[in-house]
Protein backbone atom coordinates (compact mmCIF):
# COMPACT_ATOMS: atom_id res chain seq x y z
CA MET A 1 13.87 16.03 -0.04
CA PHE A 2 12.27 12.95 1.49
CA SER A 3 11.92 9.44 0.10
CA TYR A 4 9.15 7.20 1.35
CA GLN A 5 9.68 4.56 -1.34
CA GLY A 6 7.92 1.37 -0.28
CA LYS A 7 6.60 2.85 2.98
CA ASN A 8 2.95 2.33 3.96
CA VAL A 9 1.06 5.49 4.93
CA VAL A 10 -2.53 5.75 6.17
CA VAL A 11 -4.32 9.12 6.20
CA VAL A 12 -7.62 9.18 8.08
CA GLY A 13 -9.79 12.01 6.82
CA GLY A 14 -7.54 12.04 3.78
CA THR A 15 -10.02 12.83 1.03
CA SER A 16 -9.99 16.64 1.04
CA GLY A 17 -8.16 19.76 2.12
CA ILE A 18 -5.10 19.53 4.34
CA ASN A 19 -5.27 15.76 4.74
CA LEU A 20 -5.53 15.07 1.02
CA GLY A 21 -2.59 17.41 0.48
CA ILE A 22 -0.58 15.36 2.96
CA ALA A 23 -1.61 12.09 1.31
CA LYS A 24 -0.58 13.37 -2.12
CA ARG A 25 2.84 14.51 -0.90
CA PHE A 26 3.54 11.11 0.66
CA SER A 27 2.46 9.50 -2.61
CA GLN A 28 4.76 11.78 -4.60
CA ALA A 29 7.57 10.77 -2.24
CA GLY A 30 7.06 7.12 -3.23
CA ALA A 31 4.79 5.84 -0.46
CA ASN A 32 1.91 3.42 -0.69
CA VAL A 33 -1.04 5.41 0.64
CA ALA A 34 -4.44 4.42 2.02
CA VAL A 35 -7.03 7.12 2.68
CA ALA A 36 -10.15 6.85 4.79
CA SER A 37 -13.30 8.92 5.21
CA ARG A 38 -17.07 8.52 5.44
CA SER A 39 -17.87 9.20 1.76
CA GLU A 40 -17.23 6.45 -0.77
CA ASP A 41 -17.31 8.96 -3.64
CA LYS A 42 -14.69 11.15 -1.96
CA VAL A 43 -12.54 8.13 -1.17
CA ASN A 44 -12.62 6.99 -4.80
CA ALA A 45 -11.80 10.49 -6.06
CA ALA A 46 -8.89 10.82 -3.63
CA VAL A 47 -7.45 7.44 -4.63
CA ALA A 48 -7.59 8.51 -8.28
CA GLU A 49 -5.58 11.64 -7.42
CA LEU A 50 -3.02 9.58 -5.52
CA ARG A 51 -2.55 7.27 -8.49
CA LEU A 52 -1.88 10.29 -10.69
CA ALA A 53 0.73 11.47 -8.19
CA ASN A 54 2.49 8.08 -8.14
CA SER A 55 1.38 5.44 -10.60
CA ASN A 56 3.76 2.87 -9.08
CA GLY A 57 2.33 3.06 -5.57
CA ASN A 58 -0.24 0.80 -3.99
CA HIS A 59 -3.10 3.22 -3.27
CA PHE A 60 -6.53 2.33 -1.97
CA GLY A 61 -9.32 3.67 0.21
CA VAL A 62 -11.60 2.53 3.01
CA CYS A 63 -14.87 4.03 4.22
CA PHE A 64 -15.74 4.50 7.87
CA ASP A 65 -16.94 7.05 10.37
CA VAL A 66 -14.40 7.44 13.18
CA ARG A 67 -17.31 7.43 15.66
CA ASP A 68 -18.44 3.96 14.49
CA LEU A 69 -16.13 1.50 16.23
CA ASP A 70 -17.34 -1.56 14.32
CA ALA A 71 -16.80 0.16 10.96
CA LEU A 72 -13.42 1.43 12.15
CA LYS A 73 -12.31 -2.08 13.10
CA GLN A 74 -13.40 -3.40 9.72
CA GLY A 75 -11.55 -0.60 7.94
CA PHE A 76 -8.30 -1.32 9.76
CA LEU A 77 -8.72 -5.03 9.08
CA THR A 78 -8.79 -4.13 5.37
CA ILE A 79 -5.67 -2.02 5.85
CA LYS A 80 -3.95 -4.89 7.68
CA ASN A 81 -4.87 -7.36 4.94
CA THR A 82 -3.50 -5.02 2.26
CA PHE A 83 -0.45 -3.42 3.92
CA ALA A 84 0.30 -5.87 6.77
CA TYR A 85 1.82 -2.98 8.73
CA ILE A 86 1.77 0.84 8.83
CA ASP A 87 4.88 3.03 8.74
CA VAL A 88 3.06 6.36 9.07
CA LEU A 89 -0.42 7.15 10.35
CA VAL A 90 -1.95 10.60 9.89
CA SER A 91 -5.03 11.06 12.06
CA GLY A 92 -6.93 14.01 10.66
CA ALA A 93 -10.66 13.50 11.10
CA ALA A 94 -12.30 16.68 12.40
CA GLY A 95 -15.59 18.50 12.70
CA ASN A 96 -16.15 22.23 13.08
CA PHE A 97 -18.74 24.95 12.74
CA PRO A 98 -18.88 28.40 14.35
CA SER A 99 -21.34 28.85 17.20
CA SER A 100 -21.54 30.90 20.35
CA ALA A 101 -21.75 28.84 23.52
CA GLU A 102 -25.29 29.99 24.33
CA ASN A 103 -26.52 28.90 20.91
CA LEU A 104 -24.57 25.64 20.82
CA SER A 105 -26.73 22.59 21.43
CA GLU A 106 -25.57 19.72 23.60
CA ASN A 107 -25.67 17.48 20.53
CA GLY A 108 -23.55 19.95 18.57
CA PHE A 109 -20.92 19.99 21.32
CA LYS A 110 -20.99 16.20 21.61
CA SER A 111 -20.70 15.73 17.85
CA VAL A 112 -17.43 17.65 17.67
CA MET A 113 -16.07 15.91 20.77
CA ASP A 114 -17.00 12.52 19.30
CA ILE A 115 -15.36 13.20 15.94
CA ASP A 116 -12.23 15.02 17.09
CA LEU A 117 -11.41 13.49 20.47
CA LEU A 118 -13.15 10.13 20.74
CA GLY A 119 -12.59 9.53 17.03
CA SER A 120 -8.87 10.28 17.34
CA PHE A 121 -8.53 7.87 20.27
CA GLN A 122 -10.37 5.12 18.42
CA VAL A 123 -8.26 5.57 15.27
CA LEU A 124 -5.00 5.47 17.23
CA LYS A 125 -6.05 2.44 19.25
CA GLN A 126 -7.05 0.45 16.14
CA ALA A 127 -3.85 1.45 14.31
CA TYR A 128 -1.55 0.72 17.24
CA PRO A 129 -1.03 -3.04 16.67
CA LEU A 130 -0.17 -2.43 13.01
CA ILE A 131 2.38 0.28 13.81
CA ASN A 132 3.66 -1.58 16.83
CA ALA A 133 4.87 -4.43 14.64
CA ARG A 134 7.68 -2.33 13.11
CA GLY A 135 7.75 0.96 14.95
CA GLY A 136 6.70 4.09 13.10
CA ALA A 137 5.31 7.57 13.26
CA ILE A 138 1.88 8.98 14.07
CA ILE A 139 0.90 12.53 13.19
CA GLN A 140 -2.26 14.08 14.56
CA ILE A 141 -3.75 17.12 12.86
CA SER A 142 -4.74 19.47 15.65
CA ALA A 143 -5.79 23.14 15.59
CA PRO A 144 -4.78 26.39 17.31
CA GLN A 145 -8.05 26.22 19.23
CA ALA A 146 -6.30 23.63 21.39
CA TYR A 147 -4.39 26.36 23.20
CA VAL A 148 -5.75 29.69 21.88
CA PRO A 149 -9.21 30.50 23.26
CA MET A 150 -11.44 31.60 20.40
CA PRO A 151 -15.01 32.88 20.50
CA MET A 152 -17.57 30.81 18.59
CA GLN A 153 -15.29 27.78 19.04
CA VAL A 154 -15.82 26.46 22.58
CA HIS A 155 -16.55 22.93 21.30
CA VAL A 156 -13.46 22.81 19.09
CA CYS A 157 -11.23 24.34 21.77
CA ALA A 158 -12.25 21.61 24.21
CA ALA A 159 -11.90 18.78 21.68
CA LYS A 160 -8.53 19.81 20.24
CA ALA A 161 -7.03 20.41 23.68
CA GLY A 162 -7.89 16.78 24.35
CA VAL A 163 -6.31 15.69 21.07
CA ASP A 164 -3.00 17.34 21.98
CA MET A 165 -3.02 15.66 25.39
CA LEU A 166 -3.61 12.34 23.64
CA THR A 167 -0.48 13.04 21.63
CA LYS A 168 1.63 13.81 24.69
CA THR A 169 0.33 10.95 26.81
CA LEU A 170 0.68 8.31 24.10
CA ALA A 171 4.16 9.57 23.26
CA ILE A 172 5.10 8.47 26.79
CA GLU A 173 3.20 5.16 26.71
CA TRP A 174 4.15 4.07 23.19
CA GLY A 175 7.68 5.45 22.96
CA ARG A 176 9.12 2.25 24.42
CA LYS A 177 7.64 0.44 21.42
CA GLY A 178 9.50 2.68 18.99
CA ILE A 179 6.39 4.65 18.07
CA ARG A 180 6.70 8.43 17.80
CA ILE A 181 3.58 10.61 17.92
CA ASN A 182 3.37 14.34 17.27
CA SER A 183 0.67 16.93 16.55
CA ILE A 184 0.74 19.45 13.72
CA VAL A 185 -1.28 22.60 14.35
CA PRO A 186 -2.21 24.25 11.05
CA GLY A 187 -2.87 27.95 10.98
CA PRO A 188 -5.29 29.55 8.51
CA ILE A 189 -4.92 27.39 5.38
CA ALA A 190 -6.40 28.87 2.23
CA GLY A 191 -8.65 26.75 0.05
CA THR A 192 -9.80 24.40 2.79
CA GLU A 193 -13.35 23.79 3.93
CA GLY A 194 -12.53 24.56 7.56
CA PHE A 195 -11.04 27.97 6.77
CA ASP A 196 -13.89 28.80 4.42
CA ARG A 197 -16.38 28.06 7.21
CA LEU A 198 -14.62 30.26 9.73
CA ALA A 199 -13.86 33.10 7.31
CA PRO A 200 -16.49 32.73 4.56
CA SER A 201 -15.52 35.72 2.42
CA ALA A 202 -12.44 37.09 0.68
CA GLU A 203 -12.63 40.16 2.93
CA LEU A 204 -12.53 38.09 6.12
CA GLN A 205 -9.73 35.89 4.79
CA ALA A 206 -7.70 38.98 3.95
CA ARG A 207 -8.21 40.25 7.51
CA VAL A 208 -6.96 36.94 8.83
CA ALA A 209 -3.86 37.15 6.64
CA LYS A 210 -3.05 40.56 8.11
CA SER A 211 -3.18 39.03 11.60
CA VAL A 212 -0.48 36.47 10.68
CA PRO A 213 3.09 37.68 11.42
CA LEU A 214 4.26 36.35 8.04
CA ARG A 215 1.35 38.27 6.45
CA ARG A 216 -0.12 35.42 4.46
CA ASN A 217 -2.50 32.54 4.86
CA GLY A 218 -0.90 29.15 4.48
CA ASP A 219 -1.49 26.45 1.90
CA CYS A 220 -1.76 22.67 2.07
CA ASP A 221 1.88 22.20 1.05
CA ASP A 222 3.00 24.04 4.18
CA ILE A 223 1.35 21.35 6.32
CA ALA A 224 2.39 18.46 4.08
CA ASN A 225 6.04 19.50 4.24
CA ALA A 226 5.90 19.47 8.04
CA ALA A 227 4.28 16.03 8.00
CA LEU A 228 6.96 14.57 5.74
CA PHE A 229 9.64 15.91 8.08
CA LEU A 230 8.02 14.67 11.30
CA ALA A 231 7.52 11.18 9.86
CA SER A 232 11.09 10.97 8.57
CA ASP A 233 14.29 9.66 10.15
CA MET A 234 15.44 13.28 10.40
CA ALA A 235 12.88 13.66 13.21
CA SER A 236 13.72 10.34 14.88
CA TYR A 237 14.25 11.99 18.30
CA ILE A 238 11.09 14.09 18.21
CA THR A 239 7.98 12.82 19.94
CA GLY A 240 5.19 14.30 22.05
CA THR A 241 5.58 17.63 20.26
CA VAL A 242 2.78 20.02 19.30
CA LEU A 243 4.13 21.87 16.26
CA PRO A 244 2.37 25.03 15.06
CA VAL A 245 2.66 25.49 11.30
CA ASP A 246 0.87 28.81 11.19
CA GLY A 247 3.20 31.65 10.20
CA GLY A 248 3.24 32.71 13.85
CA TRP A 249 -0.55 33.19 13.97
CA SER A 250 -0.93 31.55 17.38
CA LEU A 251 1.53 34.02 18.93
CA GLY A 252 -1.22 36.58 19.26
CA GLY A 253 -3.13 37.23 16.07
CA ALA A 254 -5.38 34.16 16.15
CA GLY A 255 -7.54 35.12 19.11
CA ALA A 256 -7.96 38.72 17.95
CA ALA A 257 -8.83 37.71 14.39
CA MET A 258 -11.40 35.15 15.51
CA ALA A 259 -12.91 37.63 17.95
CA GLU A 260 -13.39 40.09 15.07
CA ILE A 261 -14.92 37.40 12.86
CA GLY A 262 -17.21 36.37 15.70
CA GLN A 263 -18.39 39.96 16.21
CA LEU A 264 -19.10 40.37 12.49
CA ALA A 265 -21.04 37.10 12.39
CA THR A 266 -23.12 38.18 15.39
CA GLN A 267 -23.84 41.58 13.83
CA ARG A 268 -24.99 40.01 10.57
CA LYS A 269 -27.34 37.61 12.38
CA SER A 270 -28.89 40.48 14.33
């Protein structure tokens, strides 16, 4: 449905799960795609997959931790030297683990805040001059924890709420430059590391599916399709939007499902 022939796309955190799925769909649509993450091995493996998806595209990878500003600056310098400008940025770096508030260390809370919130800000700020040159689209990968309180997730709830406010605030500040920025909020996405951590058994994942109004867990293509739309000209008047792609999960089932999972986890520990 969408052609990104000759467009330059950067996916931060794009070496696995939802973000790799997004990177591959942009590649299949004709884009040149750069992926970034901390692991050189994962970056190389992801680039190989992108080249299989589109052998004519210019695909490459850079390694940095979004918390390391010097490494981040160097990574975006490499992107600038290779692409010159960015048409689409997907900011998807994230950290998560289940923990009750009383058992969550200060360092654990800070780590998630630094990756999700500070990291997102630093990525967007470094990318801004490259997108600013031509106008373009930014997509942040958020989470339902941003607006659905969930037990065992106080750190993620706080961080992702901040990410969505980044989206809305920068949509106002950067709109005059022709830059659109939106958040995608994935629901429970099967086959991803994050979902496997929160629901680490087939039984728990089946329970989650029953809590989704559409009665299924999503897949990476569900999120990638939304990303291709939001970055396209068909969405040229959409900015500052937080879009749930979750089968209706955030309408009520998310909090109840996570509460049940939290209770089971507590029972097993005791």
